[in-house]
Amino acid sequence: MHVIDDTDDRIRDLCREIAEEHDPDKVNEMCARLRQLFQVQHNTTRLRLQNIAMRFGSQMRSAPAPSPEAEESDSRMRALLSFLGLTSGDAA
């Protein structure tokens, strides 16, 4: 988890630097680095979610039918699995 904490700290520090900087060229440069950090964090999160879905996907598909209260969270999980490209043909 140190990588995530380190990335969060870097993003926080960079945002602070951007807020304090007055030179527009430096701000643009720092914003480009910030976008790059966000992209790295996004890709890391997506890979982690794919790993979870692949590892536990069979348990999710073979779980008993959800109660009516769980319908909203079930549709969220299906949407997440679909986003990751890990849905079965009957899970739409």
PDB file of N, CA and C in Angstrom:
ATOM      1  N   MET A   1       0.810  -1.201   0.000  1.00  0.00           N
ATOM      2  CA  MET A   1       0.000   0.000   0.000  1.00  0.00           C
ATOM      3  C   MET A   1       0.853   1.264   0.000  1.00  0.00           C
ATOM      4  N   HIS A   2       2.154   1.109   0.118  1.00  0.00           N
ATOM      5  CA  HIS A   2       3.012   2.281   0.162  1.00  0.00           C
ATOM      6  C   HIS A   2       3.011   3.025  -1.164  1.00  0.00           C
ATOM      7  N   VAL A   3       2.837   2.308  -2.273  1.00  0.00           N
ATOM      8  CA  VAL A   3       2.815   2.953  -3.580  1.00  0.00           C
ATOM      9  C   VAL A   3       1.624   3.899  -3.665  1.00  0.00           C
ATOM     10  N   ILE A   4       0.462   3.453  -3.192  1.00  0.00           N
ATOM     11  CA  ILE A   4      -0.736   4.286  -3.228  1.00  0.00           C
ATOM     12  C   ILE A   4      -0.550   5.494  -2.317  1.00  0.00           C
ATOM     13  N   ASP A   5      -0.069   5.266  -1.106  1.00  0.00           N
ATOM     14  CA  ASP A   5       0.161   6.370  -0.183  1.00  0.00           C
ATOM     15  C   ASP A   5       1.143   7.368  -0.774  1.00  0.00           C
ATOM     16  N   ASP A   6       2.201   6.863  -1.409  1.00  0.00           N
ATOM     17  CA  ASP A   6       3.198   7.728  -2.015  1.00  0.00           C
ATOM     18  C   ASP A   6       2.575   8.547  -3.138  1.00  0.00           C
ATOM     19  N   THR A   7       1.754   7.918  -3.968  1.00  0.00           N
ATOM     20  CA  THR A   7       1.100   8.630  -5.063  1.00  0.00           C
ATOM     21  C   THR A   7       0.148   9.677  -4.517  1.00  0.00           C
ATOM     22  N   ASP A   8      -0.621   9.334  -3.494  1.00  0.00           N
ATOM     23  CA  ASP A   8      -1.529  10.299  -2.878  1.00  0.00           C
ATOM     24  C   ASP A   8      -0.755  11.491  -2.319  1.00  0.00           C
ATOM     25  N   ASP A   9       0.359  11.217  -1.667  1.00  0.00           N
ATOM     26  CA  ASP A   9       1.185  12.305  -1.123  1.00  0.00           C
ATOM     27  C   ASP A   9       1.733  13.183  -2.238  1.00  0.00           C
ATOM     28  N   ARG A  10       2.178  12.551  -3.313  1.00  0.00           N
ATOM     29  CA  ARG A  10       2.713  13.323  -4.444  1.00  0.00           C
ATOM     30  C   ARG A  10       1.639  14.195  -5.070  1.00  0.00           C
ATOM     31  N   ILE A  11       0.426  13.659  -5.212  1.00  0.00           N
ATOM     32  CA  ILE A  11      -0.684  14.440  -5.766  1.00  0.00           C
ATOM     33  C   ILE A  11      -1.013  15.609  -4.839  1.00  0.00           C
ATOM     34  N   ARG A  12      -1.096  15.346  -3.551  1.00  0.00           N
ATOM     35  CA  ARG A  12      -1.407  16.391  -2.572  1.00  0.00           C
ATOM     36  C   ARG A  12      -0.345  17.493  -2.604  1.00  0.00           C
ATOM     37  N   ASP A  13       0.939  17.101  -2.627  1.00  0.00           N
ATOM     38  CA  ASP A  13       2.022  18.082  -2.650  1.00  0.00           C
ATOM     39  C   ASP A  13       1.999  18.901  -3.939  1.00  0.00           C
ATOM     40  N   LEU A  14       1.744  18.229  -5.050  1.00  0.00           N
ATOM     41  CA  LEU A  14       1.714  18.926  -6.327  1.00  0.00           C
ATOM     42  C   LEU A  14       0.553  19.916  -6.386  1.00  0.00           C
ATOM     43  N   CYS A  15      -0.596  19.540  -5.859  1.00  0.00           N
ATOM     44  CA  CYS A  15      -1.738  20.460  -5.810  1.00  0.00           C
ATOM     45  C   CYS A  15      -1.399  21.687  -4.964  1.00  0.00           C
ATOM     46  N   ARG A  16      -0.732  21.468  -3.851  1.00  0.00           N
ATOM     47  CA  ARG A  16      -0.323  22.582  -2.990  1.00  0.00           C
ATOM     48  C   ARG A  16       0.637  23.503  -3.737  1.00  0.00           C
ATOM     49  N   GLU A  17       1.594  22.917  -4.455  1.00  0.00           N
ATOM     50  CA  GLU A  17       2.557  23.717  -5.221  1.00  0.00           C
ATOM     51  C   GLU A  17       1.854  24.515  -6.314  1.00  0.00           C
ATOM     52  N   ILE A  18       0.898  23.897  -6.982  1.00  0.00           N
ATOM     53  CA  ILE A  18       0.152  24.590  -8.043  1.00  0.00           C
ATOM     54  C   ILE A  18      -0.604  25.778  -7.461  1.00  0.00           C
ATOM     55  N   ALA A  19      -1.222  25.580  -6.298  1.00  0.00           N
ATOM     56  CA  ALA A  19      -1.988  26.657  -5.666  1.00  0.00           C
ATOM     57  C   ALA A  19      -1.093  27.827  -5.272  1.00  0.00           C
ATOM     58  N   GLU A  20       0.157  27.552  -4.937  1.00  0.00           N
ATOM     59  CA  GLU A  20       1.075  28.601  -4.489  1.00  0.00           C
ATOM     60  C   GLU A  20       1.862  29.246  -5.619  1.00  0.00           C
ATOM     61  N   GLU A  21       1.916  28.596  -6.770  1.00  0.00           N
ATOM     62  CA  GLU A  21       2.749  29.075  -7.886  1.00  0.00           C
ATOM     63  C   GLU A  21       2.055  30.225  -8.610  1.00  0.00           C
ATOM     64  N   HIS A  22       2.864  31.214  -9.032  1.00  0.00           N
ATOM     65  CA  HIS A  22       2.329  32.378  -9.741  1.00  0.00           C
ATOM     66  C   HIS A  22       2.759  32.404 -11.206  1.00  0.00           C
ATOM     67  N   ASP A  23       3.758  31.641 -11.580  1.00  0.00           N
ATOM     68  CA  ASP A  23       4.251  31.616 -12.960  1.00  0.00           C
ATOM     69  C   ASP A  23       3.370  30.679 -13.790  1.00  0.00           C
ATOM     70  N   PRO A  24       2.663  31.219 -14.796  1.00  0.00           N
ATOM     71  CA  PRO A  24       1.741  30.389 -15.594  1.00  0.00           C
ATOM     72  C   PRO A  24       2.422  29.219 -16.310  1.00  0.00           C
ATOM     73  N   ASP A  25       3.653  29.416 -16.753  1.00  0.00           N
ATOM     74  CA  ASP A  25       4.361  28.330 -17.438  1.00  0.00           C
ATOM     75  C   ASP A  25       4.643  27.174 -16.483  1.00  0.00           C
ATOM     76  N   LYS A  26       5.054  27.505 -15.261  1.00  0.00           N
ATOM     77  CA  LYS A  26       5.309  26.465 -14.266  1.00  0.00           C
ATOM     78  C   LYS A  26       4.011  25.771 -13.859  1.00  0.00           C
ATOM     79  N   VAL A  27       2.929  26.541 -13.777  1.00  0.00           N
ATOM     80  CA  VAL A  27       1.629  25.954 -13.432  1.00  0.00           C
ATOM     81  C   VAL A  27       1.206  24.959 -14.507  1.00  0.00           C
ATOM     82  N   ASN A  28       1.385  25.328 -15.777  1.00  0.00           N
ATOM     83  CA  ASN A  28       1.041  24.410 -16.871  1.00  0.00           C
ATOM     84  C   ASN A  28       1.872  23.138 -16.802  1.00  0.00           C
ATOM     85  N   GLU A  29       3.159  23.290 -16.505  1.00  0.00           N
ATOM     86  CA  GLU A  29       4.049  22.129 -16.390  1.00  0.00           C
ATOM     87  C   GLU A  29       3.614  21.225 -15.227  1.00  0.00           C
ATOM     88  N   MET A  30       3.283  21.846 -14.105  1.00  0.00           N
ATOM     89  CA  MET A  30       2.848  21.072 -12.941  1.00  0.00           C
ATOM     90  C   MET A  30       1.493  20.406 -13.192  1.00  0.00           C
ATOM     91  N   CYS A  31       0.614  21.071 -13.918  1.00  0.00           N
ATOM     92  CA  CYS A  31      -0.684  20.465 -14.247  1.00  0.00           C
ATOM     93  C   CYS A  31      -0.504  19.242 -15.146  1.00  0.00           C
ATOM     94  N   ALA A  32       0.459  19.312 -16.046  1.00  0.00           N
ATOM     95  CA  ALA A  32       0.743  18.155 -16.901  1.00  0.00           C
ATOM     96  C   ALA A  32       1.248  16.986 -16.053  1.00  0.00           C
ATOM     97  N   ARG A  33       2.111  17.273 -15.073  1.00  0.00           N
ATOM     98  CA  ARG A  33       2.574  16.205 -14.164  1.00  0.00           C
ATOM     99  C   ARG A  33       1.423  15.653 -13.328  1.00  0.00           C
ATOM    100  N   LEU A  34       0.516  16.542 -12.910  1.00  0.00           N
ATOM    101  CA  LEU A  34      -0.635  16.109 -12.119  1.00  0.00           C
ATOM    102  C   LEU A  34      -1.541  15.180 -12.940  1.00  0.00           C
ATOM    103  N   ARG A  35      -1.789  15.542 -14.202  1.00  0.00           N
ATOM    104  CA  ARG A  35      -2.585  14.669 -15.078  1.00  0.00           C
ATOM    105  C   ARG A  35      -1.915  13.304 -15.235  1.00  0.00           C
ATOM    106  N   GLN A  36      -0.600  13.307 -15.352  1.00  0.00           N
ATOM    107  CA  GLN A  36       0.137  12.053 -15.479  1.00  0.00           C
ATOM    108  C   GLN A  36      -0.003  11.213 -14.213  1.00  0.00           C
ATOM    109  N   LEU A  37       0.078  11.836 -13.052  1.00  0.00           N
ATOM    110  CA  LEU A  37      -0.095  11.105 -11.795  1.00  0.00           C
ATOM    111  C   LEU A  37      -1.498  10.527 -11.680  1.00  0.00           C
ATOM    112  N   PHE A  38      -2.508  11.310 -12.082  1.00  0.00           N
ATOM    113  CA  PHE A  38      -3.880  10.802 -12.058  1.00  0.00           C
ATOM    114  C   PHE A  38      -4.036   9.603 -12.985  1.00  0.00           C
ATOM    115  N   GLN A  39      -3.407   9.661 -14.153  1.00  0.00           N
ATOM    116  CA  GLN A  39      -3.496   8.553 -15.102  1.00  0.00           C
ATOM    117  C   GLN A  39      -2.849   7.303 -14.523  1.00  0.00           C
ATOM    118  N   VAL A  40      -1.696   7.456 -13.883  1.00  0.00           N
ATOM    119  CA  VAL A  40      -1.024   6.315 -13.253  1.00  0.00           C
ATOM    120  C   VAL A  40      -1.909   5.726 -12.165  1.00  0.00           C
ATOM    121  N   GLN A  41      -2.491   6.592 -11.340  1.00  0.00           N
ATOM    122  CA  GLN A  41      -3.349   6.117 -10.257  1.00  0.00           C
ATOM    123  C   GLN A  41      -4.597   5.425 -10.821  1.00  0.00           C
ATOM    124  N   HIS A  42      -5.163   5.980 -11.878  1.00  0.00           N
ATOM    125  CA  HIS A  42      -6.330   5.367 -12.514  1.00  0.00           C
ATOM    126  C   HIS A  42      -5.995   3.978 -13.052  1.00  0.00           C
ATOM    127  N   ASN A  43      -4.868   3.867 -13.742  1.00  0.00           N
ATOM    128  CA  ASN A  43      -4.469   2.575 -14.301  1.00  0.00           C
ATOM    129  C   ASN A  43      -4.196   1.549 -13.209  1.00  0.00           C
ATOM    130  N   THR A  44      -3.561   1.982 -12.129  1.00  0.00           N
ATOM    131  CA  THR A  44      -3.290   1.081 -11.010  1.00  0.00           C
ATOM    132  C   THR A  44      -4.587   0.569 -10.399  1.00  0.00           C
ATOM    133  N   THR A  45      -5.531   1.472 -10.187  1.00  0.00           N
ATOM    134  CA  THR A  45      -6.825   1.092  -9.621  1.00  0.00           C
ATOM    135  C   THR A  45      -7.557   0.135 -10.542  1.00  0.00           C
ATOM    136  N   ARG A  46      -7.536   0.404 -11.824  1.00  0.00           N
ATOM    137  CA  ARG A  46      -8.221  -0.473 -12.779  1.00  0.00           C
ATOM    138  C   ARG A  46      -7.605  -1.877 -12.780  1.00  0.00           C
ATOM    139  N   LEU A  47      -6.281  -1.955 -12.743  1.00  0.00           N
ATOM    140  CA  LEU A  47      -5.622  -3.261 -12.708  1.00  0.00           C
ATOM    141  C   LEU A  47      -5.962  -4.021 -11.429  1.00  0.00           C
ATOM    142  N   ARG A  48      -6.026  -3.306 -10.305  1.00  0.00           N
ATOM    143  CA  ARG A  48      -6.387  -3.961  -9.046  1.00  0.00           C
ATOM    144  C   ARG A  48      -7.817  -4.497  -9.099  1.00  0.00           C
ATOM    145  N   LEU A  49      -8.724  -3.705  -9.650  1.00  0.00           N
ATOM    146  CA  LEU A  49     -10.110  -4.158  -9.758  1.00  0.00           C
ATOM    147  C   LEU A  49     -10.242  -5.337 -10.723  1.00  0.00           C
ATOM    148  N   GLN A  50      -9.487  -5.325 -11.799  1.00  0.00           N
ATOM    149  CA  GLN A  50      -9.499  -6.467 -12.714  1.00  0.00           C
ATOM    150  C   GLN A  50      -9.013  -7.721 -12.007  1.00  0.00           C
ATOM    151  N   ASN A  51      -7.959  -7.584 -11.223  1.00  0.00           N
ATOM    152  CA  ASN A  51      -7.422  -8.722 -10.483  1.00  0.00           C
ATOM    153  C   ASN A  51      -8.468  -9.266  -9.517  1.00  0.00           C
ATOM    154  N   ILE A  52      -9.139  -8.389  -8.795  1.00  0.00           N
ATOM    155  CA  ILE A  52     -10.191  -8.814  -7.860  1.00  0.00           C
ATOM    156  C   ILE A  52     -11.308  -9.513  -8.615  1.00  0.00           C
ATOM    157  N   ALA A  53     -11.734  -8.937  -9.730  1.00  0.00           N
ATOM    158  CA  ALA A  53     -12.832  -9.519 -10.498  1.00  0.00           C
ATOM    159  C   ALA A  53     -12.446 -10.888 -11.057  1.00  0.00           C
ATOM    160  N   MET A  54     -11.226 -11.038 -11.544  1.00  0.00           N
ATOM    161  CA  MET A  54     -10.798 -12.328 -12.080  1.00  0.00           C
ATOM    162  C   MET A  54     -10.660 -13.358 -10.965  1.00  0.00           C
ATOM    163  N   ARG A  55     -10.140 -12.917  -9.841  1.00  0.00           N
ATOM    164  CA  ARG A  55      -9.908 -13.840  -8.732  1.00  0.00           C
ATOM    165  C   ARG A  55     -11.208 -14.303  -8.075  1.00  0.00           C
ATOM    166  N   PHE A  56     -12.154 -13.391  -7.925  1.00  0.00           N
ATOM    167  CA  PHE A  56     -13.386 -13.709  -7.212  1.00  0.00           C
ATOM    168  C   PHE A  56     -14.621 -13.713  -8.107  1.00  0.00           C
ATOM    169  N   GLY A  57     -14.423 -13.598  -9.414  1.00  0.00           N
ATOM    170  CA  GLY A  57     -15.551 -13.545 -10.344  1.00  0.00           C
ATOM    171  C   GLY A  57     -16.447 -14.764 -10.274  1.00  0.00           C
ATOM    172  N   SER A  58     -15.861 -15.945 -10.142  1.00  0.00           N
ATOM    173  CA  SER A  58     -16.681 -17.164 -10.099  1.00  0.00           C
ATOM    174  C   SER A  58     -17.545 -17.194  -8.843  1.00  0.00           C
ATOM    175  N   GLN A  59     -17.017 -16.724  -7.725  1.00  0.00           N
ATOM    176  CA  GLN A  59     -17.820 -16.675  -6.508  1.00  0.00           C
ATOM    177  C   GLN A  59     -18.961 -15.672  -6.646  1.00  0.00           C
ATOM    178  N   MET A  60     -18.709 -14.566  -7.332  1.00  0.00           N
ATOM    179  CA  MET A  60     -19.767 -13.572  -7.519  1.00  0.00           C
ATOM    180  C   MET A  60     -20.860 -14.119  -8.419  1.00  0.00           C
ATOM    181  N   ARG A  61     -20.481 -14.859  -9.461  1.00  0.00           N
ATOM    182  CA  ARG A  61     -21.478 -15.394 -10.384  1.00  0.00           C
ATOM    183  C   ARG A  61     -22.262 -16.542  -9.767  1.00  0.00           C
ATOM    184  N   SER A  62     -21.639 -17.320  -8.858  1.00  0.00           N
ATOM    185  CA  SER A  62     -22.324 -18.466  -8.285  1.00  0.00           C
ATOM    186  C   SER A  62     -23.014 -18.140  -6.959  1.00  0.00           C
ATOM    187  N   ALA A  63     -22.974 -16.902  -6.551  1.00  0.00           N
ATOM    188  CA  ALA A  63     -23.615 -16.504  -5.293  1.00  0.00           C
ATOM    189  C   ALA A  63     -25.132 -16.596  -5.438  1.00  0.00           C
ATOM    190  N   PRO A  64     -25.846 -16.814  -4.325  1.00  0.00           N
ATOM    191  CA  PRO A  64     -27.308 -16.868  -4.393  1.00  0.00           C
ATOM    192  C   PRO A  64     -27.892 -15.538  -4.860  1.00  0.00           C
ATOM    193  N   ALA A  65     -29.100 -15.598  -5.359  1.00  0.00           N
ATOM    194  CA  ALA A  65     -29.767 -14.398  -5.865  1.00  0.00           C
ATOM    195  C   ALA A  65     -29.875 -13.349  -4.761  1.00  0.00           C
ATOM    196  N   PRO A  66     -29.638 -12.087  -5.111  1.00  0.00           N
ATOM    197  CA  PRO A  66     -29.673 -11.035  -4.097  1.00  0.00           C
ATOM    198  C   PRO A  66     -31.100 -10.721  -3.651  1.00  0.00           C
ATOM    199  N   SER A  67     -31.197 -10.198  -2.452  1.00  0.00           N
ATOM    200  CA  SER A  67     -32.500  -9.753  -1.951  1.00  0.00           C
ATOM    201  C   SER A  67     -32.886  -8.462  -2.668  1.00  0.00           C
ATOM    202  N   PRO A  68     -34.147  -8.075  -2.627  1.00  0.00           N
ATOM    203  CA  PRO A  68     -34.563  -6.843  -3.313  1.00  0.00           C
ATOM    204  C   PRO A  68     -33.778  -5.611  -2.852  1.00  0.00           C
ATOM    205  N   GLU A  69     -33.378  -5.570  -1.571  1.00  0.00           N
ATOM    206  CA  GLU A  69     -32.629  -4.416  -1.087  1.00  0.00           C
ATOM    207  C   GLU A  69     -31.246  -4.335  -1.735  1.00  0.00           C
ATOM    208  N   ALA A  70     -30.704  -5.470  -2.110  1.00  0.00           N
ATOM    209  CA  ALA A  70     -29.355  -5.502  -2.678  1.00  0.00           C
ATOM    210  C   ALA A  70     -29.353  -5.284  -4.182  1.00  0.00           C
ATOM    211  N   GLU A  71     -30.510  -5.048  -4.766  1.00  0.00           N
ATOM    212  CA  GLU A  71     -30.617  -4.925  -6.213  1.00  0.00           C
ATOM    213  C   GLU A  71     -29.747  -3.794  -6.750  1.00  0.00           C
ATOM    214  N   GLU A  72     -29.727  -2.656  -6.071  1.00  0.00           N
ATOM    215  CA  GLU A  72     -28.935  -1.521  -6.542  1.00  0.00           C
ATOM    216  C   GLU A  72     -27.447  -1.842  -6.518  1.00  0.00           C
ATOM    217  N   SER A  73     -26.953  -2.437  -5.428  1.00  0.00           N
ATOM    218  CA  SER A  73     -25.526  -2.756  -5.369  1.00  0.00           C
ATOM    219  C   SER A  73     -25.174  -3.851  -6.369  1.00  0.00           C
ATOM    220  N   ASP A  74     -26.101  -4.776  -6.624  1.00  0.00           N
ATOM    221  CA  ASP A  74     -25.871  -5.817  -7.624  1.00  0.00           C
ATOM    222  C   ASP A  74     -25.692  -5.188  -9.001  1.00  0.00           C
ATOM    223  N   SER A  75     -26.546  -4.233  -9.338  1.00  0.00           N
ATOM    224  CA  SER A  75     -26.413  -3.600 -10.647  1.00  0.00           C
ATOM    225  C   SER A  75     -25.124  -2.801 -10.730  1.00  0.00           C
ATOM    226  N   ARG A  76     -24.677  -2.245  -9.620  1.00  0.00           N
ATOM    227  CA  ARG A  76     -23.401  -1.537  -9.618  1.00  0.00           C
ATOM    228  C   ARG A  76     -22.248  -2.506  -9.871  1.00  0.00           C
ATOM    229  N   MET A  77     -22.301  -3.681  -9.228  1.00  0.00           N
ATOM    230  CA  MET A  77     -21.249  -4.676  -9.409  1.00  0.00           C
ATOM    231  C   MET A  77     -21.234  -5.158 -10.859  1.00  0.00           C
ATOM    232  N   ARG A  78     -22.415  -5.406 -11.409  1.00  0.00           N
ATOM    233  CA  ARG A  78     -22.485  -5.833 -12.812  1.00  0.00           C
ATOM    234  C   ARG A  78     -21.925  -4.754 -13.740  1.00  0.00           C
ATOM    235  N   ALA A  79     -22.220  -3.497 -13.441  1.00  0.00           N
ATOM    236  CA  ALA A  79     -21.686  -2.406 -14.252  1.00  0.00           C
ATOM    237  C   ALA A  79     -20.164  -2.353 -14.151  1.00  0.00           C
ATOM    238  N   LEU A  80     -19.635  -2.571 -12.958  1.00  0.00           N
ATOM    239  CA  LEU A  80     -18.190  -2.583 -12.766  1.00  0.00           C
ATOM    240  C   LEU A  80     -17.553  -3.735 -13.540  1.00  0.00           C
ATOM    241  N   LEU A  81     -18.134  -4.921 -13.422  1.00  0.00           N
ATOM    242  CA  LEU A  81     -17.595  -6.071 -14.157  1.00  0.00           C
ATOM    243  C   LEU A  81     -17.679  -5.840 -15.658  1.00  0.00           C
ATOM    244  N   SER A  82     -18.757  -5.223 -16.116  1.00  0.00           N
ATOM    245  CA  SER A  82     -18.896  -4.918 -17.532  1.00  0.00           C
ATOM    246  C   SER A  82     -17.823  -3.930 -17.976  1.00  0.00           C
ATOM    247  N   PHE A  83     -17.589  -2.904 -17.167  1.00  0.00           N
ATOM    248  CA  PHE A  83     -16.557  -1.912 -17.463  1.00  0.00           C
ATOM    249  C   PHE A  83     -15.190  -2.580 -17.596  1.00  0.00           C
ATOM    250  N   LEU A  84     -14.939  -3.571 -16.750  1.00  0.00           N
ATOM    251  CA  LEU A  84     -13.664  -4.279 -16.780  1.00  0.00           C
ATOM    252  C   LEU A  84     -13.608  -5.335 -17.870  1.00  0.00           C
ATOM    253  N   GLY A  85     -14.725  -5.539 -18.566  1.00  0.00           N
ATOM    254  CA  GLY A  85     -14.757  -6.529 -19.633  1.00  0.00           C
ATOM    255  C   GLY A  85     -14.804  -7.950 -19.125  1.00  0.00           C
ATOM    256  N   LEU A  86     -15.385  -8.154 -17.937  1.00  0.00           N
ATOM    257  CA  LEU A  86     -15.364  -9.473 -17.307  1.00  0.00           C
ATOM    258  C   LEU A  86     -16.755 -10.037 -17.065  1.00  0.00           C
ATOM    259  N   THR A  87     -17.758  -9.599 -17.806  1.00  0.00           N
ATOM    260  CA  THR A  87     -19.102 -10.115 -17.603  1.00  0.00           C
ATOM    261  C   THR A  87     -19.317 -11.354 -18.457  1.00  0.00           C
ATOM    262  N   SER A  88     -20.160 -12.234 -17.944  1.00  0.00           N
ATOM    263  CA  SER A  88     -20.550 -13.389 -18.752  1.00  0.00           C
ATOM    264  C   SER A  88     -21.727 -12.953 -19.620  1.00  0.00           C
ATOM    265  N   GLY A  89     -22.095 -13.769 -20.568  1.00  0.00           N
ATOM    266  CA  GLY A  89     -23.171 -13.430 -21.501  1.00  0.00           C
ATOM    267  C   GLY A  89     -24.500 -13.198 -20.817  1.00  0.00           C
ATOM    268  N   ASP A  90     -24.780 -13.888 -19.692  1.00  0.00           N
ATOM    269  CA  ASP A  90     -26.062 -13.744 -19.028  1.00  0.00           C
ATOM    270  C   ASP A  90     -26.069 -12.677 -17.945  1.00  0.00           C
ATOM    271  N   ALA A  91     -24.979 -11.966 -17.724  1.00  0.00           N
ATOM    272  CA  ALA A  91     -24.887 -11.019 -16.622  1.00  0.00           C
ATOM    273  C   ALA A  91     -25.069  -9.582 -17.076  1.00  0.00           C
ATOM    274  N   ALA A  92     -26.020  -9.300 -17.907  1.00  0.00           N
ATOM    275  CA  ALA A  92     -26.209  -7.917 -18.367  1.00  0.00           C
ATOM    276  C   ALA A  92     -27.481  -7.336 -17.853  1.00  0.00           C
TER     277      ALA A  92
END
